[in-house]
């Protein structure tokens, strides 16, 4: 562990690896990728500070990915113009980007390597692009995988549509948000240039469970882990 002072790692977080391989990779403590969604009230500055302090006690490198360009697909699905979708996503991601950096400074884990990235800074990397194409093909070829993504985004869209059922076209557009994140679920080591990586999120998601249960055509790197991390009450 990098930091051992108990006062710097409270409150603690529970971890739920999706597989035994995920548990082993997480235990190595090489790299953690924290996905931070704009507009999600879970990611307050205080919560992020606690999460980074905890992650810094376990991992030698912690990176944060903010899905700015991916979020545009949600707004497009809801009928926003491309220009307004871009501005709204940019403004929200800028606020969360600044919050992430303030929280990391407050966490005070100087011996840990840290990086905060917007997806728009990463998405042109050739390795990311290749993994994105694989992800798009998996959804195009496999109806069950596609429907597992659509179920997630339909729920999000209903919240914006006062309970109304989104159209198939709206679900397809909004699902591009999740597709854009999928390279980090299957092969962050290749995208970020690390030996192994543990993706950290605060709750289980059906389509991610299916990926880690090998129930999709997606090819997952065996050095890729996913851990559900929640604060201890």
Protein backbone atom coordinates (compact mmCIF):
# COMPACT_ATOMS: atom_id res chain seq x y z
CA UNK A 1 0.00 0.00 0.00
CA UNK A 2 1.18 3.46 -0.79
CA UNK A 3 -0.23 5.25 2.27
CA UNK A 4 -0.66 3.63 5.66
CA UNK A 5 -1.91 6.43 7.90
CA UNK A 6 -5.45 5.29 8.90
CA UNK A 7 -6.65 8.88 9.15
CA UNK A 8 -5.96 9.37 5.43
CA UNK A 9 -8.04 6.43 4.21
CA UNK A 10 -11.34 7.00 6.04
CA UNK A 11 -14.13 6.66 5.23
CA UNK A 12 -13.27 3.34 3.64
CA UNK A 13 -14.89 1.85 0.58
CA UNK A 14 -16.09 -1.68 0.00
CA UNK A 15 -15.03 -3.48 -3.16
CA UNK A 16 -16.97 -6.07 -5.15
CA UNK A 17 -14.86 -7.57 -7.95
CA UNK A 18 -16.99 -9.05 -10.72
CA UNK A 19 -14.75 -12.13 -11.05
CA UNK A 20 -11.88 -13.81 -9.21
CA UNK A 21 -9.55 -12.55 -11.93
CA UNK A 22 -10.81 -9.02 -11.21
CA UNK A 23 -10.01 -9.59 -7.53
CA UNK A 24 -6.45 -10.68 -8.35
CA UNK A 25 -5.79 -7.74 -10.68
CA UNK A 26 -7.20 -5.26 -8.17
CA UNK A 27 -5.01 -6.72 -5.42
CA UNK A 28 -1.88 -5.98 -7.48
CA UNK A 29 -2.65 -2.28 -7.20
CA UNK A 30 -1.02 -1.28 -10.48
CA UNK A 31 -3.60 1.02 -12.06
CA UNK A 32 -7.12 2.24 -11.33
CA UNK A 33 -9.40 3.97 -13.81
CA UNK A 34 -12.21 5.95 -12.22
CA UNK A 35 -15.07 6.91 -14.51
CA UNK A 36 -16.69 10.18 -13.40
CA UNK A 37 -19.96 11.06 -15.11
CA UNK A 38 -20.99 14.69 -15.55
CA UNK A 39 -24.35 15.46 -13.99
CA UNK A 40 -24.15 12.61 -11.48
CA UNK A 41 -24.73 13.88 -7.94
CA UNK A 42 -22.78 10.93 -6.52
CA UNK A 43 -19.53 12.60 -7.59
CA UNK A 44 -19.46 15.50 -5.15
CA UNK A 45 -16.08 17.04 -4.40
CA UNK A 46 -16.13 15.51 -0.92
CA UNK A 47 -16.97 12.04 -2.28
CA UNK A 48 -14.27 12.30 -4.92
CA UNK A 49 -11.71 13.34 -2.31
CA UNK A 50 -12.59 10.32 -0.19
CA UNK A 51 -12.53 8.02 -3.21
CA UNK A 52 -9.15 9.29 -4.40
CA UNK A 53 -7.68 9.00 -0.91
CA UNK A 54 -8.86 5.41 -0.75
CA UNK A 55 -7.66 4.60 -4.28
CA UNK A 56 -4.31 6.24 -3.57
CA UNK A 57 -3.83 3.89 -0.63
CA UNK A 58 -4.19 0.85 -2.91
CA UNK A 59 -3.00 1.75 -6.42
CA UNK A 60 0.29 3.10 -7.73
CA UNK A 61 -1.43 5.03 -10.51
CA UNK A 62 -4.93 6.51 -10.58
CA UNK A 63 -6.49 7.95 -13.74
CA UNK A 64 -9.88 9.59 -14.15
CA UNK A 65 -11.84 9.54 -17.39
CA UNK A 66 -14.62 12.08 -17.97
CA UNK A 67 -16.84 11.08 -20.93
CA UNK A 68 -17.36 14.57 -22.33
CA UNK A 69 -17.72 13.71 -26.02
CA UNK A 70 -19.75 10.59 -25.21
CA UNK A 71 -22.29 12.59 -23.22
CA UNK A 72 -23.28 14.50 -26.33
CA UNK A 73 -25.14 11.42 -27.53
CA UNK A 74 -27.58 11.65 -24.62
CA UNK A 75 -28.45 15.24 -25.47
CA UNK A 76 -28.72 14.44 -29.18
CA UNK A 77 -31.12 11.61 -28.34
CA UNK A 78 -33.25 14.09 -26.41
CA UNK A 79 -33.53 16.41 -29.42
CA UNK A 80 -30.81 18.96 -28.71
CA UNK A 81 -29.06 20.39 -31.74
CA UNK A 82 -25.45 19.27 -32.33
CA UNK A 83 -24.17 22.71 -31.33
CA UNK A 84 -26.17 22.88 -28.13
CA UNK A 85 -25.28 19.26 -27.28
CA UNK A 86 -21.59 20.09 -27.66
CA UNK A 87 -21.82 23.22 -25.51
CA UNK A 88 -23.82 21.52 -22.77
CA UNK A 89 -21.46 18.53 -22.62
CA UNK A 90 -18.38 20.76 -22.71
CA UNK A 91 -19.63 22.99 -19.89
CA UNK A 92 -20.64 20.08 -17.66
CA UNK A 93 -17.40 18.19 -18.27
CA UNK A 94 -15.33 21.30 -17.54
CA UNK A 95 -17.02 21.70 -14.17
CA UNK A 96 -16.42 18.05 -13.25
CA UNK A 97 -12.83 18.20 -14.58
CA UNK A 98 -12.04 21.11 -12.26
CA UNK A 99 -13.80 19.35 -9.38
CA UNK A 100 -11.75 16.19 -9.97
CA UNK A 101 -8.47 18.11 -9.84
CA UNK A 102 -9.46 19.97 -6.66
CA UNK A 103 -10.45 16.67 -5.05
CA UNK A 104 -7.16 15.04 -5.99
CA UNK A 105 -5.23 17.89 -4.42
CA UNK A 106 -7.35 17.63 -1.27
CA UNK A 107 -6.78 13.86 -1.10
CA UNK A 108 -3.05 14.45 -0.50
CA UNK A 109 -1.54 11.28 -1.97
CA UNK A 110 1.64 12.71 -3.52
CA UNK A 111 3.40 9.38 -4.09
CA UNK A 112 0.71 8.19 -6.51
CA UNK A 113 0.78 8.98 -10.23
CA UNK A 114 -2.41 10.76 -11.29
CA UNK A 115 -4.04 11.84 -14.52
CA UNK A 116 -7.41 13.42 -15.32
CA UNK A 117 -8.57 13.03 -18.91
CA UNK A 118 -11.54 14.01 -20.99
CA UNK A 119 -12.59 11.30 -23.42
CA UNK A 120 -12.09 13.83 -26.22
CA UNK A 121 -8.36 13.79 -25.34
CA UNK A 122 -8.19 10.01 -25.80
CA UNK A 123 -10.65 9.10 -28.53
CA UNK A 124 -8.30 9.75 -31.44
CA UNK A 125 -5.71 7.27 -30.18
CA UNK A 126 -5.44 4.40 -32.70
CA UNK A 127 -5.79 1.72 -30.01
CA UNK A 128 -8.95 3.34 -28.69
CA UNK A 129 -10.37 3.64 -32.21
CA UNK A 130 -9.75 -0.03 -32.93
CA UNK A 131 -11.44 -1.08 -29.69
CA UNK A 132 -14.33 1.26 -30.43
CA UNK A 133 -14.86 -0.41 -33.80
CA UNK A 134 -14.86 -3.81 -32.10
CA UNK A 135 -17.46 -2.54 -29.63
CA UNK A 136 -19.67 -1.15 -32.38
CA UNK A 137 -19.46 -4.43 -34.30
CA UNK A 138 -20.40 -6.44 -31.21
CA UNK A 139 -23.62 -4.47 -30.83
CA UNK A 140 -24.37 -4.59 -34.54
CA UNK A 141 -23.88 -8.37 -34.70
CA UNK A 142 -25.44 -9.50 -31.42
CA UNK A 143 -29.04 -8.48 -30.58
CA UNK A 144 -28.78 -9.58 -26.94
CA UNK A 145 -25.71 -7.42 -26.35
CA UNK A 146 -27.35 -4.50 -28.11
CA UNK A 147 -30.52 -4.85 -26.06
CA UNK A 148 -28.54 -4.92 -22.78
CA UNK A 149 -27.08 -1.52 -23.71
CA UNK A 150 -30.47 -0.20 -24.77
CA UNK A 151 -32.09 -1.19 -21.49
CA UNK A 152 -29.64 1.04 -19.62
CA UNK A 153 -30.13 4.09 -21.82
CA UNK A 154 -33.91 3.73 -22.01
CA UNK A 155 -34.05 4.13 -18.25
CA UNK A 156 -31.93 7.30 -18.43
CA UNK A 157 -34.00 8.73 -21.25
CA UNK A 158 -37.28 8.04 -19.44
CA UNK A 159 -36.05 10.19 -16.57
CA UNK A 160 -35.61 13.07 -19.01
CA UNK A 161 -38.87 12.36 -20.84
CA UNK A 162 -41.14 12.42 -17.77
CA UNK A 163 -41.58 8.67 -17.99
CA UNK A 164 -42.37 8.53 -21.71
CA UNK A 165 -40.91 5.60 -23.63
CA UNK A 166 -38.01 6.62 -25.90
CA UNK A 167 -38.08 5.60 -29.54
CA UNK A 168 -35.71 3.01 -30.98
CA UNK A 169 -33.82 5.83 -32.69
CA UNK A 170 -33.39 7.68 -29.40
CA UNK A 171 -32.12 4.52 -27.69
CA UNK A 172 -29.67 3.85 -30.50
CA UNK A 173 -28.26 7.38 -30.30
CA UNK A 174 -28.01 7.37 -26.50
CA UNK A 175 -26.37 3.93 -26.51
CA UNK A 176 -23.41 5.48 -28.30
CA UNK A 177 -22.47 7.00 -24.91
CA UNK A 178 -21.99 3.50 -23.48
CA UNK A 179 -20.31 2.22 -26.62
CA UNK A 180 -17.77 5.03 -26.34
CA UNK A 181 -16.94 3.86 -22.81
CA UNK A 182 -16.71 0.18 -23.71
CA UNK A 183 -13.02 0.23 -24.77
CA UNK A 184 -12.20 1.06 -21.14
CA UNK A 185 -14.29 -1.88 -19.94
CA UNK A 186 -12.54 -4.41 -22.14
CA UNK A 187 -8.97 -3.16 -22.55
CA UNK A 188 -7.85 -0.10 -20.60
CA UNK A 189 -4.27 -1.49 -20.57
CA UNK A 190 -4.14 -1.07 -24.34
CA UNK A 191 -5.74 2.38 -24.32
CA UNK A 192 -3.71 3.82 -21.44
CA UNK A 193 -0.44 1.92 -21.86
CA UNK A 194 -0.47 0.07 -18.54
CA UNK A 195 0.20 -3.57 -17.65
CA UNK A 196 -3.11 -4.14 -15.91
CA UNK A 197 -6.04 -1.98 -14.92
CA UNK A 198 -8.98 -1.96 -12.53
CA UNK A 199 -12.07 -0.02 -13.59
CA UNK A 200 -13.93 1.46 -10.62
CA UNK A 201 -17.63 2.30 -10.56
CA UNK A 202 -20.19 2.74 -7.81
CA UNK A 203 -22.79 0.16 -8.81
CA UNK A 204 -23.34 -2.88 -10.98
CA UNK A 205 -24.66 -2.45 -14.50
CA UNK A 206 -26.26 -5.30 -16.45
CA UNK A 207 -24.35 -4.88 -19.70
CA UNK A 208 -21.03 -4.76 -17.80
CA UNK A 209 -21.95 -7.89 -15.86
CA UNK A 210 -22.57 -9.64 -19.18
CA UNK A 211 -19.19 -8.55 -20.56
CA UNK A 212 -17.37 -9.95 -17.53
CA UNK A 213 -19.42 -13.14 -17.61
CA UNK A 214 -18.26 -13.67 -21.22
CA UNK A 215 -21.84 -13.45 -22.49
CA UNK A 216 -21.05 -11.02 -25.32
CA UNK A 217 -18.86 -11.12 -28.46
CA UNK A 218 -16.56 -8.52 -26.87
CA UNK A 219 -13.00 -9.71 -26.32
CA UNK A 220 -11.82 -8.64 -22.89
CA UNK A 221 -8.13 -8.34 -22.00
CA UNK A 222 -7.32 -10.80 -19.21
CA UNK A 223 -5.47 -7.98 -17.44
CA UNK A 224 -8.66 -5.88 -17.27
CA UNK A 225 -10.66 -5.84 -14.04
CA UNK A 226 -13.89 -4.23 -12.92
CA UNK A 227 -14.67 -3.52 -9.28
CA UNK A 228 -17.84 -2.05 -7.80
CA UNK A 229 -16.70 0.37 -5.10
CA UNK A 230 -19.08 1.86 -2.53
CA UNK A 231 -18.47 4.03 0.53
CA UNK A 232 -18.96 2.33 3.87
CA UNK A 233 -21.97 3.87 5.62
